[in-house]
């Protein structure tokens, strides 16, 4: 099958994304081929495009791992999907080369899931990466308990709304953090209990005010860098800091005194589903139930067409959006 897709012939900024006609192989054993209606953009894909991930592109390379569409064909041994099923792909750290930035791709069936009722394909393309990552940190790695105070930094990111909604679902108190006031109204749509705007407010003072001086039970942070020490100062005794990204590549000083003095744990989160099939199944079931109950729903920031892929990637790099950037391919069921 020949389709249109974005291809990397060199590393660099959004302008290196070039549309081309590519071959999409027939599905082999355990694989399915998906006609893609829409795909979501993720920060890790920008790092892949720039050659800054451990996984390096083998040029020319396709890019992208989060898409929604329908099953066009199935390979030998696939019994859980049939031609015509509405599906989406699950996040994997090693799948930027699968090629979600395009009209079709072939993927292992074990990393696809039937799309839940009640969401359109744009929303389905924005669902699994953010919500599975948030689930992995907030439910699987360091389970949030009812009544906990949870600090969610970079809350305007594509993952921020997912984390806020999951914290609410668990009966905890979500504190969203953003730098700019103009993002606060959009963040509020996901339902945090509090929003802290750091360009106007002192983060530590507001956390102490909100928690009556106790600090937060858990910090969910994609930034890293020197702010880790600051976050430790507002973490409650026996609390946990989960770092799932490194938006700030500056060295992070380990806040040893705070960690020892209050028994604080720092945990790194990388979403490797390949070696955690039980986590995958639990996460999928949790998210599907949340969607069915109306408690989880992706926040769509911007929509683009496939021939606007460069503009979409530029918007991702600028990080001025709140929620998920999604590209529609124009492929119809």
C-alpha atoms as a PDB file:
ATOM      1  CA  UNK A   1       0.000   0.000   0.000  1.00  0.00           C
ATOM      2  CA  UNK A   2       1.306   3.450  -0.921  1.00  0.00           C
ATOM      3  CA  UNK A   3       0.202   6.453   1.131  1.00  0.00           C
ATOM      4  CA  UNK A   4       1.213   9.998   2.014  1.00  0.00           C
ATOM      5  CA  UNK A   5       3.322  10.417   5.179  1.00  0.00           C
ATOM      6  CA  UNK A   6       5.827  12.753   6.819  1.00  0.00           C
ATOM      7  CA  UNK A   7       9.401  11.537   6.370  1.00  0.00           C
ATOM      8  CA  UNK A   8      12.684  12.668   7.930  1.00  0.00           C
ATOM      9  CA  UNK A   9      15.659  12.868   5.567  1.00  0.00           C
ATOM     10  CA  UNK A  10      17.673  14.900   8.066  1.00  0.00           C
ATOM     11  CA  UNK A  11      17.490  15.893  11.725  1.00  0.00           C
ATOM     12  CA  UNK A  12      16.351  19.288  12.873  1.00  0.00           C
ATOM     13  CA  UNK A  13      13.376  21.546  13.441  1.00  0.00           C
ATOM     14  CA  UNK A  14       9.819  21.201  12.142  1.00  0.00           C
ATOM     15  CA  UNK A  15      10.897  22.151   8.625  1.00  0.00           C
ATOM     16  CA  UNK A  16      12.640  18.763   8.159  1.00  0.00           C
ATOM     17  CA  UNK A  17       9.220  17.064   8.115  1.00  0.00           C
ATOM     18  CA  UNK A  18       8.626  16.436   4.404  1.00  0.00           C
ATOM     19  CA  UNK A  19       5.507  14.832   2.956  1.00  0.00           C
ATOM     20  CA  UNK A  20       6.233  11.943   0.598  1.00  0.00           C
ATOM     21  CA  UNK A  21       4.582   8.848  -0.837  1.00  0.00           C
ATOM     22  CA  UNK A  22       5.735   5.784   1.093  1.00  0.00           C
ATOM     23  CA  UNK A  23       5.140   2.048   1.105  1.00  0.00           C
ATOM     24  CA  UNK A  24       3.293   0.619   4.107  1.00  0.00           C
ATOM     25  CA  UNK A  25       4.029  -3.116   4.382  1.00  0.00           C
ATOM     26  CA  UNK A  26       1.381  -5.786   4.601  1.00  0.00           C
ATOM     27  CA  UNK A  27       0.888  -6.893   8.199  1.00  0.00           C
ATOM     28  CA  UNK A  28       3.024  -9.836   9.238  1.00  0.00           C
ATOM     29  CA  UNK A  29       2.282 -12.338  11.999  1.00  0.00           C
ATOM     30  CA  UNK A  30       0.721 -10.586  14.972  1.00  0.00           C
ATOM     31  CA  UNK A  31       0.406  -7.248  13.139  1.00  0.00           C
ATOM     32  CA  UNK A  32      -2.376  -5.029  11.813  1.00  0.00           C
ATOM     33  CA  UNK A  33      -2.412  -2.263   9.216  1.00  0.00           C
ATOM     34  CA  UNK A  34      -4.332   0.866  10.212  1.00  0.00           C
ATOM     35  CA  UNK A  35      -5.823   3.550   7.983  1.00  0.00           C
ATOM     36  CA  UNK A  36      -5.116   6.662  10.049  1.00  0.00           C
ATOM     37  CA  UNK A  37      -7.837   9.288  10.479  1.00  0.00           C
ATOM     38  CA  UNK A  38      -5.921  11.443  12.970  1.00  0.00           C
ATOM     39  CA  UNK A  39      -2.701  11.438  14.972  1.00  0.00           C
ATOM     40  CA  UNK A  40      -1.538  13.240  18.096  1.00  0.00           C
ATOM     41  CA  UNK A  41       1.750  15.100  18.492  1.00  0.00           C
ATOM     42  CA  UNK A  42       4.037  14.387  21.445  1.00  0.00           C
ATOM     43  CA  UNK A  43       7.092  16.118  22.841  1.00  0.00           C
ATOM     44  CA  UNK A  44       9.174  12.937  22.580  1.00  0.00           C
ATOM     45  CA  UNK A  45       8.623  12.967  18.813  1.00  0.00           C
ATOM     46  CA  UNK A  46      10.158  16.432  18.582  1.00  0.00           C
ATOM     47  CA  UNK A  47      13.196  15.117  20.462  1.00  0.00           C
ATOM     48  CA  UNK A  48      13.335  12.132  18.082  1.00  0.00           C
ATOM     49  CA  UNK A  49      13.140  14.489  15.112  1.00  0.00           C
ATOM     50  CA  UNK A  50      16.086  16.458  16.522  1.00  0.00           C
ATOM     51  CA  UNK A  51      18.139  13.344  17.317  1.00  0.00           C
ATOM     52  CA  UNK A  52      18.013  13.973  21.063  1.00  0.00           C
ATOM     53  CA  UNK A  53      16.493  10.639  22.138  1.00  0.00           C
ATOM     54  CA  UNK A  54      18.425   7.480  22.902  1.00  0.00           C
ATOM     55  CA  UNK A  55      16.580   5.967  19.944  1.00  0.00           C
ATOM     56  CA  UNK A  56      18.102   7.611  16.857  1.00  0.00           C
ATOM     57  CA  UNK A  57      16.355   7.849  13.469  1.00  0.00           C
ATOM     58  CA  UNK A  58      17.724   5.688  10.681  1.00  0.00           C
ATOM     59  CA  UNK A  59      17.294   8.093   7.786  1.00  0.00           C
ATOM     60  CA  UNK A  60      15.078   8.303   5.856  1.00  0.00           C
ATOM     61  CA  UNK A  61      12.670   7.672   8.718  1.00  0.00           C
ATOM     62  CA  UNK A  62       8.985   7.879   9.440  1.00  0.00           C
ATOM     63  CA  UNK A  63       7.935   9.357  12.759  1.00  0.00           C
ATOM     64  CA  UNK A  64       5.104   9.210  15.273  1.00  0.00           C
ATOM     65  CA  UNK A  65       3.404   6.616  17.463  1.00  0.00           C
ATOM     66  CA  UNK A  66      -0.052   7.887  18.479  1.00  0.00           C
ATOM     67  CA  UNK A  67      -2.860   7.481  15.945  1.00  0.00           C
ATOM     68  CA  UNK A  68      -6.508   6.525  15.551  1.00  0.00           C
ATOM     69  CA  UNK A  69      -8.338   5.046  12.589  1.00  0.00           C
ATOM     70  CA  UNK A  70      -9.681   1.738  11.323  1.00  0.00           C
ATOM     71  CA  UNK A  71      -8.142  -1.670  10.742  1.00  0.00           C
ATOM     72  CA  UNK A  72      -7.513  -2.135   7.017  1.00  0.00           C
ATOM     73  CA  UNK A  73      -5.996  -5.639   7.202  1.00  0.00           C
ATOM     74  CA  UNK A  74      -4.772  -8.151   9.781  1.00  0.00           C
ATOM     75  CA  UNK A  75      -1.778 -10.458   9.757  1.00  0.00           C
ATOM     76  CA  UNK A  76      -1.631 -14.176  10.579  1.00  0.00           C
ATOM     77  CA  UNK A  77      -2.535 -15.049  14.139  1.00  0.00           C
ATOM     78  CA  UNK A  78      -4.439 -11.857  14.910  1.00  0.00           C
ATOM     79  CA  UNK A  79      -7.792 -12.720  16.466  1.00  0.00           C
ATOM     80  CA  UNK A  80      -8.581  -9.695  18.639  1.00  0.00           C
ATOM     81  CA  UNK A  81      -9.156  -7.320  15.710  1.00  0.00           C
ATOM     82  CA  UNK A  82     -11.105  -7.516  12.450  1.00  0.00           C
ATOM     83  CA  UNK A  83     -11.093  -5.405   9.322  1.00  0.00           C
ATOM     84  CA  UNK A  84     -13.176  -2.286   9.929  1.00  0.00           C
ATOM     85  CA  UNK A  85     -12.608  -2.075  13.690  1.00  0.00           C
ATOM     86  CA  UNK A  86     -12.069   1.428  15.070  1.00  0.00           C
ATOM     87  CA  UNK A  87      -8.731   1.383  16.872  1.00  0.00           C
ATOM     88  CA  UNK A  88      -5.993   3.557  18.320  1.00  0.00           C
ATOM     89  CA  UNK A  89      -2.358   2.884  19.114  1.00  0.00           C
ATOM     90  CA  UNK A  90      -0.905   2.625  22.608  1.00  0.00           C
ATOM     91  CA  UNK A  91       2.253   4.563  23.547  1.00  0.00           C
ATOM     92  CA  UNK A  92       5.622   2.827  23.273  1.00  0.00           C
ATOM     93  CA  UNK A  93       9.019   4.384  23.788  1.00  0.00           C
ATOM     94  CA  UNK A  94      10.577   2.611  20.815  1.00  0.00           C
ATOM     95  CA  UNK A  95       7.995   3.201  18.079  1.00  0.00           C
ATOM     96  CA  UNK A  96       8.716   6.588  16.552  1.00  0.00           C
ATOM     97  CA  UNK A  97       9.591   4.693  13.367  1.00  0.00           C
ATOM     98  CA  UNK A  98       6.098   3.135  13.071  1.00  0.00           C
ATOM     99  CA  UNK A  99       4.952   6.277  11.333  1.00  0.00           C
ATOM    100  CA  UNK A 100       1.792   7.746  12.850  1.00  0.00           C
ATOM    101  CA  UNK A 101       2.460  10.982  10.924  1.00  0.00           C
ATOM    102  CA  UNK A 102       0.721   9.715   7.800  1.00  0.00           C
ATOM    103  CA  UNK A 103      -2.278   8.021   6.233  1.00  0.00           C
ATOM    104  CA  UNK A 104      -1.509   4.427   7.279  1.00  0.00           C
ATOM    105  CA  UNK A 105       0.920   2.338   9.306  1.00  0.00           C
ATOM    106  CA  UNK A 106       1.540  -1.282  10.273  1.00  0.00           C
ATOM    107  CA  UNK A 107       1.930  -2.026  13.988  1.00  0.00           C
ATOM    108  CA  UNK A 108       1.990  -5.004  16.357  1.00  0.00           C
ATOM    109  CA  UNK A 109      -1.585  -5.807  17.325  1.00  0.00           C
ATOM    110  CA  UNK A 110      -0.654  -5.956  21.014  1.00  0.00           C
ATOM    111  CA  UNK A 111      -0.039  -2.210  20.939  1.00  0.00           C
ATOM    112  CA  UNK A 112      -3.439  -1.310  19.546  1.00  0.00           C
ATOM    113  CA  UNK A 113      -6.762  -1.045  21.340  1.00  0.00           C
ATOM    114  CA  UNK A 114     -10.360  -0.702  20.216  1.00  0.00           C
ATOM    115  CA  UNK A 115     -11.482   2.902  20.463  1.00  0.00           C
ATOM    116  CA  UNK A 116     -13.997   3.606  23.223  1.00  0.00           C
ATOM    117  CA  UNK A 117     -17.525   4.666  22.370  1.00  0.00           C
ATOM    118  CA  UNK A 118     -18.318   8.297  22.989  1.00  0.00           C
ATOM    119  CA  UNK A 119     -15.114   9.765  21.551  1.00  0.00           C
ATOM    120  CA  UNK A 120     -14.517  10.803  17.964  1.00  0.00           C
ATOM    121  CA  UNK A 121     -11.314   9.803  16.176  1.00  0.00           C
ATOM    122  CA  UNK A 122      -9.605  13.112  16.931  1.00  0.00           C
ATOM    123  CA  UNK A 123     -10.197  12.533  20.648  1.00  0.00           C
ATOM    124  CA  UNK A 124      -9.107   8.893  20.333  1.00  0.00           C
ATOM    125  CA  UNK A 125      -5.862  10.068  18.721  1.00  0.00           C
ATOM    126  CA  UNK A 126      -5.302  12.293  21.768  1.00  0.00           C
ATOM    127  CA  UNK A 127      -6.167   9.739  24.432  1.00  0.00           C
ATOM    128  CA  UNK A 128      -3.685   6.970  25.007  1.00  0.00           C
ATOM    129  CA  UNK A 129      -0.235   8.538  25.285  1.00  0.00           C
ATOM    130  CA  UNK A 130      -1.155  11.135  27.889  1.00  0.00           C
ATOM    131  CA  UNK A 131      -3.612   9.072  29.883  1.00  0.00           C
ATOM    132  CA  UNK A 132      -1.459   5.929  29.960  1.00  0.00           C
ATOM    133  CA  UNK A 133       1.533   7.970  31.155  1.00  0.00           C
ATOM    134  CA  UNK A 134      -0.554   9.666  33.827  1.00  0.00           C
ATOM    135  CA  UNK A 135      -2.018   6.302  34.844  1.00  0.00           C
ATOM    136  CA  UNK A 136       1.452   4.758  35.085  1.00  0.00           C
ATOM    137  CA  UNK A 137       2.654   7.460  37.461  1.00  0.00           C
ATOM    138  CA  UNK A 138      -0.425   8.264  39.515  1.00  0.00           C
ATOM    139  CA  UNK A 139      -2.003   4.820  39.820  1.00  0.00           C
ATOM    140  CA  UNK A 140       0.662   2.206  39.116  1.00  0.00           C
ATOM    141  CA  UNK A 141       3.982   3.676  40.313  1.00  0.00           C
ATOM    142  CA  UNK A 142       3.011   5.820  43.318  1.00  0.00           C
ATOM    143  CA  UNK A 143      -0.721   5.351  43.864  1.00  0.00           C
ATOM    144  CA  UNK A 144      -2.607   8.517  44.713  1.00  0.00           C
ATOM    145  CA  UNK A 145      -4.949   8.141  47.671  1.00  0.00           C
ATOM    146  CA  UNK A 146      -8.282   9.852  48.252  1.00  0.00           C
ATOM    147  CA  UNK A 147      -7.683  13.249  49.833  1.00  0.00           C
ATOM    148  CA  UNK A 148      -4.040  13.548  48.728  1.00  0.00           C
ATOM    149  CA  UNK A 149      -2.704  16.869  47.482  1.00  0.00           C
ATOM    150  CA  UNK A 150      -1.052  16.341  44.081  1.00  0.00           C
ATOM    151  CA  UNK A 151       1.052  19.041  42.406  1.00  0.00           C
ATOM    152  CA  UNK A 152       0.954  18.863  38.594  1.00  0.00           C
ATOM    153  CA  UNK A 153       3.616  21.047  36.991  1.00  0.00           C
ATOM    154  CA  UNK A 154       3.529  22.149  33.335  1.00  0.00           C
ATOM    155  CA  UNK A 155      -0.224  21.604  33.567  1.00  0.00           C
ATOM    156  CA  UNK A 156      -0.851  23.135  30.145  1.00  0.00           C
ATOM    157  CA  UNK A 157       1.077  20.357  28.407  1.00  0.00           C
ATOM    158  CA  UNK A 158      -0.644  17.609  26.431  1.00  0.00           C
ATOM    159  CA  UNK A 159      -0.345  15.381  29.498  1.00  0.00           C
ATOM    160  CA  UNK A 160      -1.404  17.936  32.115  1.00  0.00           C
ATOM    161  CA  UNK A 161      -5.174  17.681  31.585  1.00  0.00           C
ATOM    162  CA  UNK A 162      -4.963  13.866  31.690  1.00  0.00           C
ATOM    163  CA  UNK A 163      -3.155  13.986  35.031  1.00  0.00           C
ATOM    164  CA  UNK A 164      -5.642  16.493  36.466  1.00  0.00           C
ATOM    165  CA  UNK A 165      -8.628  14.377  35.438  1.00  0.00           C
ATOM    166  CA  UNK A 166      -7.127  11.170  36.842  1.00  0.00           C
ATOM    167  CA  UNK A 167      -6.309  12.862  40.169  1.00  0.00           C
ATOM    168  CA  UNK A 168      -9.926  14.044  40.366  1.00  0.00           C
ATOM    169  CA  UNK A 169     -11.220  10.569  39.485  1.00  0.00           C
ATOM    170  CA  UNK A 170      -9.167   9.153  42.370  1.00  0.00           C
ATOM    171  CA  UNK A 171     -10.754  11.598  44.811  1.00  0.00           C
ATOM    172  CA  UNK A 172      -7.611  13.645  45.368  1.00  0.00           C
ATOM    173  CA  UNK A 173      -6.873  17.379  45.229  1.00  0.00           C
ATOM    174  CA  UNK A 174      -5.202  18.430  41.945  1.00  0.00           C
ATOM    175  CA  UNK A 175      -3.033  21.565  42.084  1.00  0.00           C
ATOM    176  CA  UNK A 176      -2.181  22.670  38.536  1.00  0.00           C
ATOM    177  CA  UNK A 177       0.886  24.819  37.918  1.00  0.00           C
ATOM    178  CA  UNK A 178       1.412  27.064  34.899  1.00  0.00           C
ATOM    179  CA  UNK A 179       3.565  30.082  34.213  1.00  0.00           C
ATOM    180  CA  UNK A 180       1.103  32.315  32.384  1.00  0.00           C
ATOM    181  CA  UNK A 181      -2.320  33.620  33.361  1.00  0.00           C
ATOM    182  CA  UNK A 182      -3.695  33.295  29.818  1.00  0.00           C
ATOM    183  CA  UNK A 183      -3.429  29.499  30.070  1.00  0.00           C
ATOM    184  CA  UNK A 184      -5.339  29.247  33.333  1.00  0.00           C
ATOM    185  CA  UNK A 185      -8.839  29.365  31.837  1.00  0.00           C
ATOM    186  CA  UNK A 186      -8.115  26.468  29.471  1.00  0.00           C
ATOM    187  CA  UNK A 187      -6.483  24.441  32.256  1.00  0.00           C
ATOM    188  CA  UNK A 188      -9.555  25.030  34.420  1.00  0.00           C
ATOM    189  CA  UNK A 189     -11.652  23.051  31.903  1.00  0.00           C
ATOM    190  CA  UNK A 190     -10.002  19.859  33.201  1.00  0.00           C
ATOM    191  CA  UNK A 191     -11.193  20.600  36.734  1.00  0.00           C
ATOM    192  CA  UNK A 192      -8.194  21.151  39.023  1.00  0.00           C
ATOM    193  CA  UNK A 193      -9.024  22.145  42.573  1.00  0.00           C
ATOM    194  CA  UNK A 194      -6.467  24.966  42.391  1.00  0.00           C
ATOM    195  CA  UNK A 195      -4.344  26.678  39.736  1.00  0.00           C
ATOM    196  CA  UNK A 196      -1.053  28.417  40.572  1.00  0.00           C
ATOM    197  CA  UNK A 197       0.288  30.955  38.061  1.00  0.00           C
ATOM    198  CA  UNK A 198       3.994  31.231  38.809  1.00  0.00           C
ATOM    199  CA  UNK A 199       4.531  34.479  36.870  1.00  0.00           C
ATOM    200  CA  UNK A 200       2.253  36.120  39.429  1.00  0.00           C
ATOM    201  CA  UNK A 201       2.405  33.935  42.542  1.00  0.00           C
ATOM    202  CA  UNK A 202       5.092  32.334  44.672  1.00  0.00           C
ATOM    203  CA  UNK A 203       4.790  28.588  44.166  1.00  0.00           C
ATOM    204  CA  UNK A 204       5.939  27.582  47.642  1.00  0.00           C
ATOM    205  CA  UNK A 205       3.748  30.128  49.433  1.00  0.00           C
ATOM    206  CA  UNK A 206       0.653  29.064  47.488  1.00  0.00           C
ATOM    207  CA  UNK A 207       1.295  25.352  48.079  1.00  0.00           C
ATOM    208  CA  UNK A 208       1.665  25.961  51.811  1.00  0.00           C
ATOM    209  CA  UNK A 209      -1.538  28.015  51.802  1.00  0.00           C
ATOM    210  CA  UNK A 210      -3.534  25.386  49.889  1.00  0.00           C
ATOM    211  CA  UNK A 211      -2.274  22.477  52.010  1.00  0.00           C
ATOM    212  CA  UNK A 212      -2.409  24.302  55.378  1.00  0.00           C
ATOM    213  CA  UNK A 213       1.354  24.021  55.606  1.00  0.00           C
ATOM    214  CA  UNK A 214       1.500  20.240  55.141  1.00  0.00           C
ATOM    215  CA  UNK A 215       2.890  20.152  51.607  1.00  0.00           C
ATOM    216  CA  UNK A 216       1.824  17.884  48.781  1.00  0.00           C
ATOM    217  CA  UNK A 217       1.808  14.103  48.890  1.00  0.00           C
ATOM    218  CA  UNK A 218       2.954  13.774  45.295  1.00  0.00           C
ATOM    219  CA  UNK A 219       4.570  15.926  42.616  1.00  0.00           C
ATOM    220  CA  UNK A 220       4.057  14.958  38.944  1.00  0.00           C
ATOM    221  CA  UNK A 221       6.724  16.797  36.962  1.00  0.00           C
ATOM    222  CA  UNK A 222       7.960  16.729  33.333  1.00  0.00           C
ATOM    223  CA  UNK A 223      10.502  19.536  33.751  1.00  0.00           C
ATOM    224  CA  UNK A 224      13.335  18.314  35.983  1.00  0.00           C
ATOM    225  CA  UNK A 225      16.401  20.552  36.174  1.00  0.00           C
ATOM    226  CA  UNK A 226      17.114  22.885  39.098  1.00  0.00           C
ATOM    227  CA  UNK A 227      13.430  23.139  40.076  1.00  0.00           C
ATOM    228  CA  UNK A 228      13.595  19.638  41.576  1.00  0.00           C
ATOM    229  CA  UNK A 229      15.110  21.136  44.741  1.00  0.00           C
ATOM    230  CA  UNK A 230      12.296  23.676  44.909  1.00  0.00           C
ATOM    231  CA  UNK A 231       9.685  20.955  44.495  1.00  0.00           C
ATOM    232  CA  UNK A 232      11.266  18.925  47.294  1.00  0.00           C
ATOM    233  CA  UNK A 233      10.818  21.843  49.690  1.00  0.00           C
ATOM    234  CA  UNK A 234       7.039  21.737  49.220  1.00  0.00           C
ATOM    235  CA  UNK A 235       6.680  17.941  49.369  1.00  0.00           C
ATOM    236  CA  UNK A 236       5.171  16.508  52.543  1.00  0.00           C
ATOM    237  CA  UNK A 237       6.951  13.922  54.743  1.00  0.00           C
ATOM    238  CA  UNK A 238       6.935  10.507  53.043  1.00  0.00           C
ATOM    239  CA  UNK A 239       5.850  12.180  49.811  1.00  0.00           C
ATOM    240  CA  UNK A 240       7.002  11.305  46.290  1.00  0.00           C
ATOM    241  CA  UNK A 241       8.309  13.323  43.353  1.00  0.00           C
ATOM    242  CA  UNK A 242       7.730  11.619  39.983  1.00  0.00           C
ATOM    243  CA  UNK A 243       9.803  13.000  37.102  1.00  0.00           C
ATOM    244  CA  UNK A 244       8.567  11.847  33.708  1.00  0.00           C
ATOM    245  CA  UNK A 245      10.382  14.313  31.437  1.00  0.00           C
ATOM    246  CA  UNK A 246      13.339  16.667  31.135  1.00  0.00           C
ATOM    247  CA  UNK A 247      12.031  19.848  29.532  1.00  0.00           C
ATOM    248  CA  UNK A 248      14.827  21.619  31.417  1.00  0.00           C
ATOM    249  CA  UNK A 249      18.030  19.833  30.456  1.00  0.00           C
ATOM    250  CA  UNK A 250      20.073  21.737  33.057  1.00  0.00           C
ATOM    251  CA  UNK A 251      21.690  19.653  35.801  1.00  0.00           C
ATOM    252  CA  UNK A 252      19.424  18.965  38.763  1.00  0.00           C
ATOM    253  CA  UNK A 253      20.955  19.241  42.208  1.00  0.00           C
ATOM    254  CA  UNK A 254      19.835  16.394  44.446  1.00  0.00           C
ATOM    255  CA  UNK A 255      18.099  17.927  47.503  1.00  0.00           C
ATOM    256  CA  UNK A 256      19.675  15.476  49.929  1.00  0.00           C
ATOM    257  CA  UNK A 257      18.706  17.229  53.159  1.00  0.00           C
ATOM    258  CA  UNK A 258      15.035  17.472  52.203  1.00  0.00           C
ATOM    259  CA  UNK A 259      14.973  13.853  51.023  1.00  0.00           C
ATOM    260  CA  UNK A 260      16.510  12.535  54.210  1.00  0.00           C
ATOM    261  CA  UNK A 261      14.811  14.942  56.582  1.00  0.00           C
ATOM    262  CA  UNK A 262      11.307  14.146  55.353  1.00  0.00           C
ATOM    263  CA  UNK A 263      11.756  10.672  53.853  1.00  0.00           C
ATOM    264  CA  UNK A 264      10.931  11.921  50.348  1.00  0.00           C
ATOM    265  CA  UNK A 265      11.282   9.601  47.351  1.00  0.00           C
ATOM    266  CA  UNK A 266      12.184  10.704  43.824  1.00  0.00           C
ATOM    267  CA  UNK A 267      10.995   8.316  41.111  1.00  0.00           C
ATOM    268  CA  UNK A 268      11.708   8.400  37.398  1.00  0.00           C
ATOM    269  CA  UNK A 269       8.927   7.318  35.021  1.00  0.00           C
ATOM    270  CA  UNK A 270       9.540   5.911  31.566  1.00  0.00           C
ATOM    271  CA  UNK A 271       6.576   4.247  29.874  1.00  0.00           C
ATOM    272  CA  UNK A 272       7.951   0.902  28.726  1.00  0.00           C
ATOM    273  CA  UNK A 273       4.863  -1.169  28.081  1.00  0.00           C
ATOM    274  CA  UNK A 274       6.714  -3.923  26.253  1.00  0.00           C
ATOM    275  CA  UNK A 275       7.953  -5.497  29.489  1.00  0.00           C
ATOM    276  CA  UNK A 276       4.876  -4.669  31.607  1.00  0.00           C
ATOM    277  CA  UNK A 277       1.878  -6.394  29.957  1.00  0.00           C
ATOM    278  CA  UNK A 278      -0.068  -6.482  33.229  1.00  0.00           C
ATOM    279  CA  UNK A 279       0.355  -2.712  33.626  1.00  0.00           C
ATOM    280  CA  UNK A 280      -0.829  -2.244  30.054  1.00  0.00           C
ATOM    281  CA  UNK A 281      -4.004  -4.265  30.614  1.00  0.00           C
ATOM    282  CA  UNK A 282      -4.796  -2.532  33.896  1.00  0.00           C
ATOM    283  CA  UNK A 283      -4.165   0.881  32.399  1.00  0.00           C
ATOM    284  CA  UNK A 284      -6.346   0.272  29.358  1.00  0.00           C
ATOM    285  CA  UNK A 285      -9.208  -0.977  31.548  1.00  0.00           C
ATOM    286  CA  UNK A 286      -8.867   2.013  33.914  1.00  0.00           C
ATOM    287  CA  UNK A 287      -8.967   4.540  31.067  1.00  0.00           C
ATOM    288  CA  UNK A 288     -11.801   2.829  29.223  1.00  0.00           C
ATOM    289  CA  UNK A 289     -13.895   2.826  32.399  1.00  0.00           C
ATOM    290  CA  UNK A 290     -13.101   6.505  33.020  1.00  0.00           C
ATOM    291  CA  UNK A 291     -14.130   7.433  29.479  1.00  0.00           C
ATOM    292  CA  UNK A 292     -17.332   5.363  29.722  1.00  0.00           C
ATOM    293  CA  UNK A 293     -18.240   7.116  32.981  1.00  0.00           C
ATOM    294  CA  UNK A 294     -17.613  10.553  31.468  1.00  0.00           C
ATOM    295  CA  UNK A 295     -14.741  11.292  33.880  1.00  0.00           C
ATOM    296  CA  UNK A 296     -11.883  11.207  31.352  1.00  0.00           C
ATOM    297  CA  UNK A 297     -11.947  13.133  28.071  1.00  0.00           C
ATOM    298  CA  UNK A 298      -9.010  14.566  26.135  1.00  0.00           C
ATOM    299  CA  UNK A 299      -8.637  18.319  25.875  1.00  0.00           C
ATOM    300  CA  UNK A 300      -7.977  19.200  22.219  1.00  0.00           C
ATOM    301  CA  UNK A 301      -5.841  22.322  21.879  1.00  0.00           C
ATOM    302  CA  UNK A 302      -5.446  22.659  18.109  1.00  0.00           C
ATOM    303  CA  UNK A 303      -6.357  20.759  14.929  1.00  0.00           C
ATOM    304  CA  UNK A 304      -4.347  20.711  11.712  1.00  0.00           C
ATOM    305  CA  UNK A 305      -4.473  18.937   8.331  1.00  0.00           C
ATOM    306  CA  UNK A 306      -1.729  16.601   7.134  1.00  0.00           C
ATOM    307  CA  UNK A 307      -0.346  19.161   4.707  1.00  0.00           C
ATOM    308  CA  UNK A 308       0.041  21.501   7.710  1.00  0.00           C
ATOM    309  CA  UNK A 309       2.358  19.121   9.578  1.00  0.00           C
ATOM    310  CA  UNK A 310       5.192  21.662   9.729  1.00  0.00           C
ATOM    311  CA  UNK A 311       2.898  24.286  11.249  1.00  0.00           C
ATOM    312  CA  UNK A 312       1.590  21.711  13.743  1.00  0.00           C
ATOM    313  CA  UNK A 313       5.135  20.754  14.780  1.00  0.00           C
ATOM    314  CA  UNK A 314       6.084  24.414  15.150  1.00  0.00           C
ATOM    315  CA  UNK A 315       3.139  24.889  17.481  1.00  0.00           C
ATOM    316  CA  UNK A 316       4.262  21.871  19.514  1.00  0.00           C
ATOM    317  CA  UNK A 317       7.772  23.313  19.809  1.00  0.00           C
ATOM    318  CA  UNK A 318       6.448  26.732  20.848  1.00  0.00           C
ATOM    319  CA  UNK A 319       4.509  25.144  23.739  1.00  0.00           C
ATOM    320  CA  UNK A 320       1.878  27.881  23.776  1.00  0.00           C
ATOM    321  CA  UNK A 321      -1.018  25.442  23.584  1.00  0.00           C
ATOM    322  CA  UNK A 322      -3.097  23.858  26.364  1.00  0.00           C
ATOM    323  CA  UNK A 323      -3.948  20.214  25.743  1.00  0.00           C
ATOM    324  CA  UNK A 324      -3.269  18.048  22.704  1.00  0.00           C
ATOM    325  CA  UNK A 325      -2.339  19.044  19.172  1.00  0.00           C
ATOM    326  CA  UNK A 326      -3.963  16.679  16.662  1.00  0.00           C
ATOM    327  CA  UNK A 327      -3.483  16.345  12.891  1.00  0.00           C
ATOM    328  CA  UNK A 328      -6.303  14.992  10.721  1.00  0.00           C
ATOM    329  CA  UNK A 329      -5.232  13.098   7.612  1.00  0.00           C
ATOM    330  CA  UNK A 330      -8.419  13.309   5.594  1.00  0.00           C
ATOM    331  CA  UNK A 331      -8.641   9.491   5.359  1.00  0.00           C
ATOM    332  CA  UNK A 332     -12.279   8.430   5.704  1.00  0.00           C
ATOM    333  CA  UNK A 333     -13.532   5.065   7.044  1.00  0.00           C
END
